[in-house]
N, C-alpha and C. Protein backbone atom coordinates (compact mmCIF):
# COMPACT_ATOMS: atom_id res chain seq x y z
N MET A 1 58.52 -14.60 1.91
CA MET A 1 58.99 -13.05 1.76
C MET A 1 59.61 -13.09 0.40
N VAL A 2 59.29 -11.91 0.15
CA VAL A 2 59.80 -11.35 -1.44
C VAL A 2 60.34 -10.06 -0.99
N ARG A 3 61.72 -9.72 -1.93
CA ARG A 3 62.73 -8.46 -1.72
C ARG A 3 62.60 -7.52 -3.14
N SER A 4 62.97 -6.79 -2.97
CA SER A 4 62.94 -6.09 -4.48
C SER A 4 64.29 -5.39 -4.41
N ASP A 5 65.39 -5.62 -4.71
CA ASP A 5 66.39 -5.12 -4.75
C ASP A 5 66.99 -3.92 -6.18
N LEU A 6 65.52 -3.72 -6.96
CA LEU A 6 65.78 -2.75 -7.90
C LEU A 6 65.94 -1.51 -7.78
N PRO A 7 67.20 -0.88 -8.87
CA PRO A 7 67.46 0.47 -8.38
C PRO A 7 66.33 0.93 -9.26
N ARG A 8 65.78 2.59 -9.51
CA ARG A 8 65.43 3.17 -9.96
C ARG A 8 63.86 2.77 -10.08
N THR A 9 63.08 2.31 -9.47
CA THR A 9 61.61 1.71 -9.92
C THR A 9 61.18 2.07 -9.04
N ASN A 10 59.75 1.65 -9.79
CA ASN A 10 57.85 2.20 -8.48
C ASN A 10 57.95 1.14 -7.49
N LEU A 11 59.23 0.13 -7.00
CA LEU A 11 58.78 -0.93 -6.39
C LEU A 11 59.36 -0.23 -4.86
N PHE A 12 60.40 0.94 -5.22
CA PHE A 12 60.59 1.94 -3.72
C PHE A 12 59.58 2.85 -3.20
N SER A 13 58.59 2.92 -4.12
CA SER A 13 57.31 3.47 -3.41
C SER A 13 56.15 3.72 -4.29
N PRO A 14 55.64 2.85 -4.76
CA PRO A 14 54.49 2.85 -5.16
C PRO A 14 52.97 3.38 -4.70
N HIS A 15 52.01 3.60 -5.36
CA HIS A 15 51.20 4.45 -5.13
C HIS A 15 49.99 3.75 -4.75
N PHE A 16 50.00 2.98 -6.20
CA PHE A 16 48.98 1.58 -6.17
C PHE A 16 49.86 -0.02 -6.46
N ILE A 17 49.65 -0.81 -5.95
CA ILE A 17 49.94 -2.43 -6.53
C ILE A 17 48.46 -3.35 -6.95
N THR A 18 48.83 -4.18 -7.91
CA THR A 18 47.77 -5.29 -8.10
C THR A 18 49.22 -6.33 -8.23
N VAL A 19 48.33 -7.54 -7.81
CA VAL A 19 49.10 -9.10 -7.85
C VAL A 19 48.63 -9.73 -8.29
N ALA A 20 48.52 -10.50 -8.86
CA ALA A 20 48.06 -12.46 -9.68
C ALA A 20 48.80 -13.57 -9.83
N THR A 21 48.21 -14.93 -9.86
CA THR A 21 48.92 -15.32 -10.36
C THR A 21 48.90 -15.50 -11.78
N PHE A 22 50.21 -15.80 -12.57
CA PHE A 22 50.14 -16.10 -14.03
C PHE A 22 50.56 -17.17 -14.49
N GLY A 23 50.09 -17.90 -15.11
CA GLY A 23 50.69 -19.78 -15.44
C GLY A 23 50.91 -20.12 -13.95
N GLU A 24 52.48 -20.29 -13.70
CA GLU A 24 53.45 -21.63 -13.11
C GLU A 24 53.63 -19.62 -11.76
N GLY A 25 53.52 -19.03 -12.60
CA GLY A 25 54.19 -17.84 -11.58
C GLY A 25 52.83 -17.04 -11.00
N THR A 26 54.14 -15.75 -10.66
CA THR A 26 53.16 -14.61 -9.96
C THR A 26 53.62 -12.99 -11.03
N ARG A 27 52.61 -12.32 -11.01
CA ARG A 27 52.83 -10.92 -11.34
C ARG A 27 52.57 -10.08 -11.32
N LEU A 28 53.09 -9.07 -10.83
CA LEU A 28 52.65 -7.87 -9.49
C LEU A 28 53.43 -6.95 -10.58
N VAL A 29 52.09 -5.54 -10.91
CA VAL A 29 52.47 -4.49 -11.28
C VAL A 29 51.79 -3.53 -10.30
N CYS A 30 53.21 -2.26 -10.32
CA CYS A 30 52.83 -1.63 -9.90
C CYS A 30 52.95 0.22 -10.26
N SER A 31 52.16 1.11 -10.03
CA SER A 31 51.56 2.67 -10.33
C SER A 31 52.75 3.65 -9.45
N GLY A 32 53.09 4.19 -9.98
CA GLY A 32 54.14 5.25 -9.01
C GLY A 32 55.14 6.18 -9.41
N ARG A 33 55.61 6.97 -8.82
CA ARG A 33 56.78 7.91 -9.53
C ARG A 33 57.90 7.17 -8.59
N GLY A 34 58.12 6.60 -7.72
CA GLY A 34 59.13 6.79 -7.20
C GLY A 34 60.58 6.14 -7.57
N GLY A 35 62.06 6.89 -7.29
CA GLY A 35 62.98 6.44 -7.50
C GLY A 35 63.34 7.25 -9.27
N GLY A 36 62.42 7.63 -9.90
CA GLY A 36 62.71 8.13 -11.00
C GLY A 36 62.24 7.06 -12.30
N GLY A 37 61.60 5.98 -11.38
CA GLY A 37 60.90 5.25 -12.66
C GLY A 37 59.68 5.74 -13.35
N PRO A 38 59.13 4.93 -14.38
CA PRO A 38 58.20 5.32 -15.04
C PRO A 38 56.65 5.45 -14.10
N GLY A 39 56.06 5.61 -14.95
CA GLY A 39 54.52 5.47 -14.20
C GLY A 39 54.04 3.89 -14.23
N VAL A 40 53.84 3.09 -15.39
CA VAL A 40 53.46 1.49 -14.58
C VAL A 40 54.79 0.70 -14.76
N GLU A 41 54.73 -0.59 -14.08
CA GLU A 41 55.75 -1.38 -14.81
C GLU A 41 55.05 -2.53 -14.14
N VAL A 42 55.83 -3.82 -14.82
CA VAL A 42 55.43 -4.97 -14.59
C VAL A 42 56.01 -5.86 -14.09
N CYS A 43 56.05 -6.40 -13.02
CA CYS A 43 57.02 -7.74 -12.40
C CYS A 43 56.82 -8.82 -12.55
N SER A 44 57.82 -9.92 -12.50
CA SER A 44 57.48 -10.97 -11.96
C SER A 44 58.14 -11.50 -10.64
N VAL A 45 57.66 -12.33 -9.91
CA VAL A 45 57.64 -12.42 -8.75
C VAL A 45 58.19 -13.87 -8.51
N GLN A 46 59.21 -14.16 -8.20
CA GLN A 46 60.05 -15.77 -7.89
C GLN A 46 59.59 -15.76 -6.05
N THR A 47 58.93 -17.07 -6.14
CA THR A 47 58.74 -17.32 -4.63
C THR A 47 59.66 -18.86 -4.14
N PRO A 48 60.57 -19.50 -4.26
CA PRO A 48 61.41 -20.56 -4.20
C PRO A 48 60.72 -20.90 -2.52
N LYS A 49 60.89 -22.16 -2.69
CA LYS A 49 60.54 -22.96 -0.99
C LYS A 49 60.81 -22.64 -0.09
N ALA A 50 62.19 -22.35 -0.82
CA ALA A 50 63.08 -21.80 0.60
C ALA A 50 63.57 -20.98 0.55
N GLY A 51 63.85 -19.79 1.46
CA GLY A 51 64.60 -18.55 1.59
C GLY A 51 63.33 -17.32 1.02
N PRO A 52 64.42 -16.27 0.59
CA PRO A 52 63.27 -15.35 0.19
C PRO A 52 63.24 -15.32 -1.16
N GLY A 53 62.06 -14.73 -1.52
CA GLY A 53 62.08 -14.79 -2.61
C GLY A 53 62.75 -13.40 -3.61
N MET A 54 62.49 -13.27 -4.98
CA MET A 54 62.90 -12.23 -5.60
C MET A 54 61.87 -11.79 -6.47
N ILE A 55 61.65 -10.16 -6.83
CA ILE A 55 60.79 -9.54 -7.50
C ILE A 55 61.39 -9.03 -8.86
N GLU A 56 61.17 -8.81 -9.92
CA GLU A 56 62.25 -8.56 -11.54
C GLU A 56 61.39 -7.95 -12.00
N ARG A 57 61.71 -6.84 -12.57
CA ARG A 57 61.16 -5.45 -12.91
C ARG A 57 61.45 -6.43 -14.82
N ARG A 58 59.86 -6.75 -15.62
CA ARG A 58 60.23 -7.08 -16.74
C ARG A 58 59.81 -5.94 -17.86
N TYR A 59 59.36 -5.40 -17.57
CA TYR A 59 59.30 -3.94 -18.48
C TYR A 59 58.14 -2.83 -17.63
N ALA A 60 58.21 -1.76 -18.27
CA ALA A 60 56.98 -0.70 -18.31
C ALA A 60 56.47 -0.61 -19.23
N ILE A 61 55.44 0.22 -19.07
CA ILE A 61 54.33 0.34 -20.01
C ILE A 61 54.09 1.76 -20.30
N PRO A 62 54.68 2.28 -21.37
CA PRO A 62 54.96 3.31 -21.89
C PRO A 62 53.90 4.38 -21.96
N GLN A 63 52.83 3.33 -22.80
CA GLN A 63 51.44 4.17 -23.36
C GLN A 63 50.60 4.46 -22.23
N LEU A 64 51.24 3.93 -21.42
CA LEU A 64 50.44 5.03 -19.48
C LEU A 64 50.86 5.93 -19.15
N GLY A 65 51.86 6.42 -20.00
CA GLY A 65 52.63 7.82 -19.43
C GLY A 65 53.27 7.10 -18.18
N SER A 66 53.42 8.47 -17.20
CA SER A 66 54.27 8.55 -16.20
C SER A 66 53.12 8.61 -14.82
N ARG A 67 51.99 8.99 -15.25
CA ARG A 67 51.14 9.01 -13.88
C ARG A 67 50.86 8.05 -12.77
N VAL A 68 50.56 8.58 -11.83
CA VAL A 68 50.25 7.79 -11.10
C VAL A 68 49.23 7.32 -11.40
N MET A 69 48.34 6.47 -11.54
CA MET A 69 46.94 5.70 -11.16
C MET A 69 46.49 4.89 -10.86
N PRO A 70 45.19 4.80 -10.30
CA PRO A 70 44.51 2.99 -9.54
C PRO A 70 44.69 1.80 -11.27
N ILE A 71 45.02 0.61 -10.58
CA ILE A 71 45.32 -0.45 -11.34
C ILE A 71 45.03 -1.50 -10.56
N SER A 72 44.45 -2.44 -11.27
CA SER A 72 44.22 -3.64 -11.40
C SER A 72 44.10 -4.99 -12.03
N LEU A 73 44.86 -5.80 -11.39
CA LEU A 73 44.69 -6.98 -12.81
C LEU A 73 43.67 -7.58 -12.99
N THR A 74 43.27 -8.97 -13.73
CA THR A 74 42.26 -10.14 -13.58
C THR A 74 42.88 -11.05 -13.13
N ALA A 75 41.99 -11.73 -12.82
CA ALA A 75 42.39 -12.82 -11.62
C ALA A 75 43.29 -13.97 -12.43
N ASP A 76 43.27 -13.84 -13.83
CA ASP A 76 43.93 -14.89 -14.71
C ASP A 76 45.42 -14.05 -14.42
N GLY A 77 45.89 -12.17 -14.34
CA GLY A 77 46.70 -11.75 -14.47
C GLY A 77 47.47 -11.90 -16.20
N LYS A 78 46.43 -11.63 -16.70
CA LYS A 78 46.77 -11.53 -18.29
C LYS A 78 45.93 -9.89 -19.20
N TYR A 79 44.82 -9.49 -18.23
CA TYR A 79 44.69 -7.77 -18.30
C TYR A 79 44.98 -7.20 -17.33
N LEU A 80 45.21 -5.68 -17.70
CA LEU A 80 45.77 -4.84 -16.53
C LEU A 80 44.62 -3.70 -16.96
N ILE A 81 43.82 -3.53 -15.49
CA ILE A 81 42.95 -2.13 -15.83
C ILE A 81 43.75 -0.95 -15.36
N ALA A 82 43.51 0.15 -15.94
CA ALA A 82 44.09 1.30 -15.54
C ALA A 82 43.48 2.79 -15.58
N ASN A 83 43.29 2.88 -14.33
CA ASN A 83 42.27 4.06 -14.12
C ASN A 83 42.60 5.98 -14.18
N GLY A 84 43.11 5.81 -15.38
CA GLY A 84 44.25 7.09 -15.51
C GLY A 84 42.89 8.84 -15.43
N PRO A 85 43.64 9.88 -15.43
CA PRO A 85 42.98 10.63 -15.31
C PRO A 85 42.31 11.15 -16.37
N GLU A 86 42.67 10.69 -17.54
CA GLU A 86 41.64 11.59 -18.80
C GLU A 86 40.82 10.29 -19.53
N ARG A 87 41.68 9.00 -19.07
CA ARG A 87 41.52 7.87 -20.12
C ARG A 87 41.38 6.56 -19.00
N PHE A 88 40.28 5.62 -19.47
CA PHE A 88 40.14 4.35 -18.74
C PHE A 88 40.69 3.66 -19.76
N PHE A 89 42.42 2.61 -19.34
CA PHE A 89 42.94 1.81 -19.96
C PHE A 89 42.47 0.12 -20.01
N ILE A 90 42.94 -0.35 -20.74
CA ILE A 90 42.63 -1.69 -21.10
C ILE A 90 43.81 -2.72 -21.67
N ALA A 91 44.84 -3.00 -20.98
CA ALA A 91 46.25 -3.59 -21.73
C ALA A 91 46.19 -4.96 -21.67
N GLU A 92 46.50 -5.76 -22.54
CA GLU A 92 46.95 -7.21 -22.18
C GLU A 92 48.33 -7.37 -21.94
N LEU A 93 48.78 -8.03 -21.29
CA LEU A 93 50.31 -8.17 -20.74
C LEU A 93 50.86 -9.46 -21.51
N PHE A 94 51.53 -9.29 -21.84
CA PHE A 94 52.66 -11.09 -22.32
C PHE A 94 53.71 -10.52 -21.42
N ASN A 95 54.67 -11.77 -21.89
CA ASN A 95 56.13 -11.90 -20.72
C ASN A 95 57.06 -10.84 -20.87
N ASP A 96 57.12 -9.42 -22.19
CA ASP A 96 58.11 -8.69 -22.30
C ASP A 96 57.72 -7.40 -22.72
N HIS A 97 56.43 -7.29 -22.67
CA HIS A 97 55.51 -6.22 -23.52
C HIS A 97 54.05 -6.12 -23.20
N ALA A 98 53.06 -4.87 -23.39
CA ALA A 98 52.20 -4.94 -22.91
C ALA A 98 50.88 -4.40 -24.03
N GLU A 99 50.21 -4.65 -24.46
CA GLU A 99 49.33 -4.30 -25.87
C GLU A 99 48.33 -3.53 -25.28
N LEU A 100 48.50 -2.03 -25.02
CA LEU A 100 46.93 -1.52 -25.62
C LEU A 100 45.62 -1.66 -26.20
N ILE A 101 44.79 -2.22 -25.60
CA ILE A 101 43.59 -3.21 -26.32
C ILE A 101 42.41 -1.99 -26.19
N SER A 102 41.92 -0.82 -25.42
CA SER A 102 40.80 -0.12 -25.24
C SER A 102 42.01 1.17 -24.47
N ALA A 103 41.77 2.24 -24.48
CA ALA A 103 41.77 3.72 -24.03
C ALA A 103 40.90 4.51 -24.13
N GLU A 104 39.86 4.55 -23.21
CA GLU A 104 38.13 4.79 -23.06
C GLU A 104 38.54 6.70 -22.86
N ARG A 105 38.22 7.48 -23.61
CA ARG A 105 38.58 9.00 -23.35
C ARG A 105 37.36 9.42 -22.22
N ARG A 106 37.14 10.22 -21.54
CA ARG A 106 36.49 10.52 -20.20
C ARG A 106 35.82 11.78 -20.43
N LEU A 107 34.62 11.69 -20.26
CA LEU A 107 33.73 12.78 -20.43
C LEU A 107 34.16 14.11 -19.76
N ARG A 108 34.94 14.06 -19.21
CA ARG A 108 35.49 15.06 -18.25
C ARG A 108 37.02 14.32 -17.27
N ARG A 109 37.72 15.67 -17.11
CA ARG A 109 39.08 15.79 -16.43
C ARG A 109 38.54 14.88 -15.06
N ILE A 110 39.22 13.75 -14.28
CA ILE A 110 38.89 13.53 -13.06
C ILE A 110 40.09 14.05 -12.34
N THR A 111 39.52 15.12 -11.06
CA THR A 111 40.12 15.91 -10.11
C THR A 111 40.30 15.52 -8.57
N VAL A 112 39.34 13.71 -8.25
CA VAL A 112 39.33 13.36 -7.37
C VAL A 112 40.18 11.98 -7.45
N VAL A 113 40.86 11.09 -6.94
CA VAL A 113 41.49 9.84 -6.97
C VAL A 113 40.55 8.92 -7.13
N SER A 114 40.17 7.92 -8.33
CA SER A 114 39.82 7.61 -9.02
C SER A 114 39.54 6.23 -8.71
N THR A 115 38.72 4.76 -8.49
CA THR A 115 39.05 3.49 -7.77
C THR A 115 38.55 2.75 -8.90
N ILE A 116 39.01 1.36 -8.76
CA ILE A 116 38.53 0.39 -9.98
C ILE A 116 38.94 -0.70 -9.11
N ASP A 117 37.63 -2.03 -9.85
CA ASP A 117 37.44 -2.88 -8.82
C ASP A 117 37.17 -4.31 -10.34
N VAL A 118 38.32 -4.91 -10.39
CA VAL A 118 37.90 -6.20 -11.48
C VAL A 118 37.29 -7.43 -10.74
N ALA A 119 36.24 -7.84 -11.25
CA ALA A 119 35.87 -9.20 -10.74
C ALA A 119 36.34 -10.38 -11.19
N ALA A 120 36.42 -10.99 -9.92
CA ALA A 120 37.58 -12.52 -10.13
C ALA A 120 37.06 -13.48 -10.99
N ASN A 121 35.79 -13.37 -10.86
CA ASN A 121 35.38 -14.74 -12.32
C ASN A 121 34.44 -14.56 -13.16
N ALA A 122 35.03 -13.10 -13.36
CA ALA A 122 34.37 -12.51 -14.77
C ALA A 122 34.66 -11.60 -15.90
N PRO A 123 34.44 -11.33 -16.90
CA PRO A 123 35.41 -10.04 -17.47
C PRO A 123 35.22 -8.89 -17.62
N LEU A 124 34.89 -8.47 -16.42
CA LEU A 124 34.01 -6.76 -16.27
C LEU A 124 35.31 -6.18 -15.09
N ALA A 125 35.16 -4.97 -15.70
CA ALA A 125 36.07 -3.87 -14.30
C ALA A 125 34.75 -3.02 -13.98
N ALA A 126 34.90 -2.43 -12.60
CA ALA A 126 34.66 -1.15 -12.30
C ALA A 126 35.30 -0.16 -12.04
N CYS A 127 34.46 0.90 -12.54
CA CYS A 127 35.27 2.22 -12.07
C CYS A 127 34.58 3.36 -11.71
N MET A 128 35.36 4.08 -10.95
CA MET A 128 34.48 5.38 -10.58
C MET A 128 35.57 6.60 -10.30
N GLU A 129 34.69 7.53 -10.71
CA GLU A 129 34.81 8.92 -11.17
C GLU A 129 34.47 10.07 -10.78
N ARG A 130 34.39 10.40 -9.29
CA ARG A 130 34.00 11.57 -8.46
C ARG A 130 32.66 11.10 -8.40
N ASP A 131 31.15 11.65 -8.75
CA ASP A 131 30.45 10.35 -8.43
C ASP A 131 29.65 10.25 -9.43
N THR A 132 30.49 8.81 -10.02
CA THR A 132 29.92 8.38 -11.63
C THR A 132 30.66 7.12 -11.58
N MET A 133 29.76 6.03 -11.37
CA MET A 133 29.84 4.87 -11.38
C MET A 133 29.64 3.86 -12.60
N ALA A 134 30.73 3.22 -13.49
CA ALA A 134 30.42 2.13 -14.48
C ALA A 134 31.41 1.01 -14.93
N VAL A 135 30.20 -0.02 -14.64
CA VAL A 135 30.87 -1.27 -15.28
C VAL A 135 31.20 -1.65 -16.38
N LEU A 136 32.67 -1.95 -16.66
CA LEU A 136 33.00 -2.05 -18.38
C LEU A 136 33.26 -3.98 -18.51
N SER A 137 33.11 -4.08 -19.87
CA SER A 137 33.32 -5.33 -20.35
C SER A 137 34.94 -5.26 -20.41
N ILE A 138 35.59 -5.99 -20.51
CA ILE A 138 37.39 -6.64 -20.91
C ILE A 138 37.19 -8.21 -21.42
N PRO A 139 37.81 -7.38 -22.67
CA PRO A 139 39.00 -6.22 -23.21
C PRO A 139 38.60 -5.48 -23.84
N SER A 140 37.35 -5.16 -24.19
CA SER A 140 36.43 -4.07 -25.54
C SER A 140 36.23 -3.23 -24.40
N GLY A 141 36.30 -2.81 -23.29
CA GLY A 141 35.86 -1.91 -22.34
C GLY A 141 34.67 -1.06 -22.68
N ARG A 142 33.99 -2.04 -23.11
CA ARG A 142 32.37 -1.39 -23.65
C ARG A 142 31.52 -1.36 -22.52
N SER A 143 31.05 0.09 -22.14
CA SER A 143 30.31 -0.36 -20.61
C SER A 143 28.86 -0.81 -20.92
N VAL A 144 28.69 -1.31 -19.79
CA VAL A 144 27.30 -2.21 -19.31
C VAL A 144 26.90 -1.55 -18.43
N LEU A 145 27.11 -0.70 -17.98
CA LEU A 145 25.94 -0.38 -16.64
C LEU A 145 27.18 1.11 -16.32
N GLU A 146 25.57 2.26 -16.28
CA GLU A 146 26.70 3.54 -15.84
C GLU A 146 25.47 4.22 -14.58
N PHE A 147 25.89 4.62 -13.31
CA PHE A 147 24.77 5.04 -12.42
C PHE A 147 25.33 5.55 -11.71
N PRO A 148 25.06 7.10 -11.55
CA PRO A 148 25.81 8.04 -10.10
C PRO A 148 25.91 7.13 -8.78
N SER A 149 27.10 7.61 -8.57
CA SER A 149 27.48 6.51 -7.37
C SER A 149 28.40 7.30 -6.30
N PRO A 150 28.12 8.42 -5.39
CA PRO A 150 29.03 8.87 -3.93
C PRO A 150 29.58 8.44 -3.87
N GLY A 151 30.72 7.60 -3.95
CA GLY A 151 31.00 6.49 -2.57
C GLY A 151 31.93 5.43 -2.70
N TRP A 152 31.95 4.53 -2.38
CA TRP A 152 33.06 3.21 -2.58
C TRP A 152 32.59 2.41 -3.35
N MET A 153 33.03 1.68 -4.19
CA MET A 153 32.00 0.34 -5.46
C MET A 153 33.02 -0.52 -4.90
N THR A 154 32.02 -2.31 -5.27
CA THR A 154 32.69 -3.25 -5.06
C THR A 154 32.35 -4.23 -6.09
N LEU A 155 32.79 -5.09 -7.50
CA LEU A 155 31.76 -5.82 -8.10
C LEU A 155 31.83 -6.55 -7.39
N SER A 156 30.70 -8.28 -7.41
CA SER A 156 30.83 -9.31 -6.39
C SER A 156 32.14 -10.48 -7.23
N PRO A 157 32.08 -11.37 -6.90
CA PRO A 157 33.59 -12.12 -7.90
C PRO A 157 33.05 -12.74 -9.31
N ASN A 158 31.83 -13.13 -9.28
CA ASN A 158 30.57 -13.55 -10.31
C ASN A 158 30.91 -12.08 -11.39
N GLY A 159 31.10 -11.28 -10.87
CA GLY A 159 30.51 -9.99 -11.79
C GLY A 159 29.16 -9.55 -11.98
N ARG A 160 28.14 -10.50 -10.95
CA ARG A 160 26.76 -10.07 -11.46
C ARG A 160 26.13 -9.45 -10.69
N LEU A 161 26.82 -8.40 -9.47
CA LEU A 161 26.22 -7.34 -9.01
C LEU A 161 27.63 -6.40 -8.73
N VAL A 162 26.92 -5.24 -8.14
CA VAL A 162 27.71 -4.36 -8.27
C VAL A 162 27.02 -3.20 -6.37
N ALA A 163 28.10 -3.28 -5.75
CA ALA A 163 27.62 -2.63 -4.55
C ALA A 163 28.12 -1.61 -4.16
N THR A 164 27.50 -0.19 -3.73
CA THR A 164 28.07 1.00 -3.85
C THR A 164 27.70 1.60 -2.03
N THR A 165 28.61 2.60 -1.89
CA THR A 165 28.24 3.08 -0.43
C THR A 165 27.96 4.35 -1.34
N GLU A 166 26.87 4.84 -0.20
CA GLU A 166 27.11 6.43 -0.15
C GLU A 166 27.44 7.47 1.01
N TRP A 167 28.31 8.06 0.57
CA TRP A 167 29.35 8.96 1.70
C TRP A 167 27.90 10.07 2.85
N GLY A 168 28.44 9.89 3.78
CA GLY A 168 27.36 10.63 4.27
C GLY A 168 25.38 10.22 4.86
N ARG A 169 25.26 8.98 3.87
CA ARG A 169 23.80 8.58 4.47
C ARG A 169 23.71 7.21 4.90
N HIS A 170 25.17 6.85 5.24
CA HIS A 170 25.31 5.38 5.90
C HIS A 170 24.05 4.36 5.23
N SER A 171 24.53 4.07 3.97
CA SER A 171 23.50 3.30 3.26
C SER A 171 24.77 2.53 2.34
N VAL A 172 23.52 1.12 1.49
CA VAL A 172 24.66 0.90 0.60
C VAL A 172 23.46 0.47 -0.14
N ARG A 173 23.76 0.26 -1.56
CA ARG A 173 22.85 -0.24 -3.02
C ARG A 173 23.68 -0.94 -3.66
N ILE A 174 22.50 -2.27 -4.13
CA ILE A 174 23.29 -2.90 -5.06
C ILE A 174 22.56 -3.07 -6.00
N TYR A 175 23.21 -3.36 -7.14
CA TYR A 175 22.80 -3.28 -8.90
C TYR A 175 22.86 -4.41 -9.22
N ARG A 176 22.04 -5.01 -9.89
CA ARG A 176 22.15 -5.95 -10.58
C ARG A 176 22.89 -5.24 -12.00
N VAL A 177 24.52 -6.38 -12.70
CA VAL A 177 24.68 -6.30 -14.03
C VAL A 177 24.24 -6.73 -15.14
N PRO A 178 23.70 -5.81 -15.93
CA PRO A 178 23.32 -6.84 -17.17
C PRO A 178 24.01 -7.90 -17.72
N ARG A 179 23.73 -8.98 -18.28
CA ARG A 179 23.90 -9.33 -19.22
C ARG A 179 24.79 -9.41 -20.73
């Protein structure tokens, strides 16, 4: 079990969280506005062999602003992907700071909650906004596939396939991601 004793942080009421192993440790990232904290925070997790673990706040990422947004870490915990209301962000995470690599401006403002998914074993992320899905290369942010998708989506662990649902039609579509 891990607990947080951090005052004024998103750990009290995160809207979105993501976690990945990073080197010998664990990295946790939270997105939310709870307790007056910033929008996106990066934490380290210590999990001793005996007794409760501890979450330690490392830093906030001010470049992402204070908005709540879907977030996801790559499998190695090195990159954070954030699907903001006007931009899709890719940041490289370090022990004491983050560097923004890509901040692609959207063609239109997102008015509904968007989703993201990161392939476990490939440098790809998928994001959906309203009825459009895009598969993006990490860390460049370059789009490798776009198509209409009025539902939920997920990338295969190797990044070669993306599956989408269609709300109200009870169907699933599977697309091959170009190499």
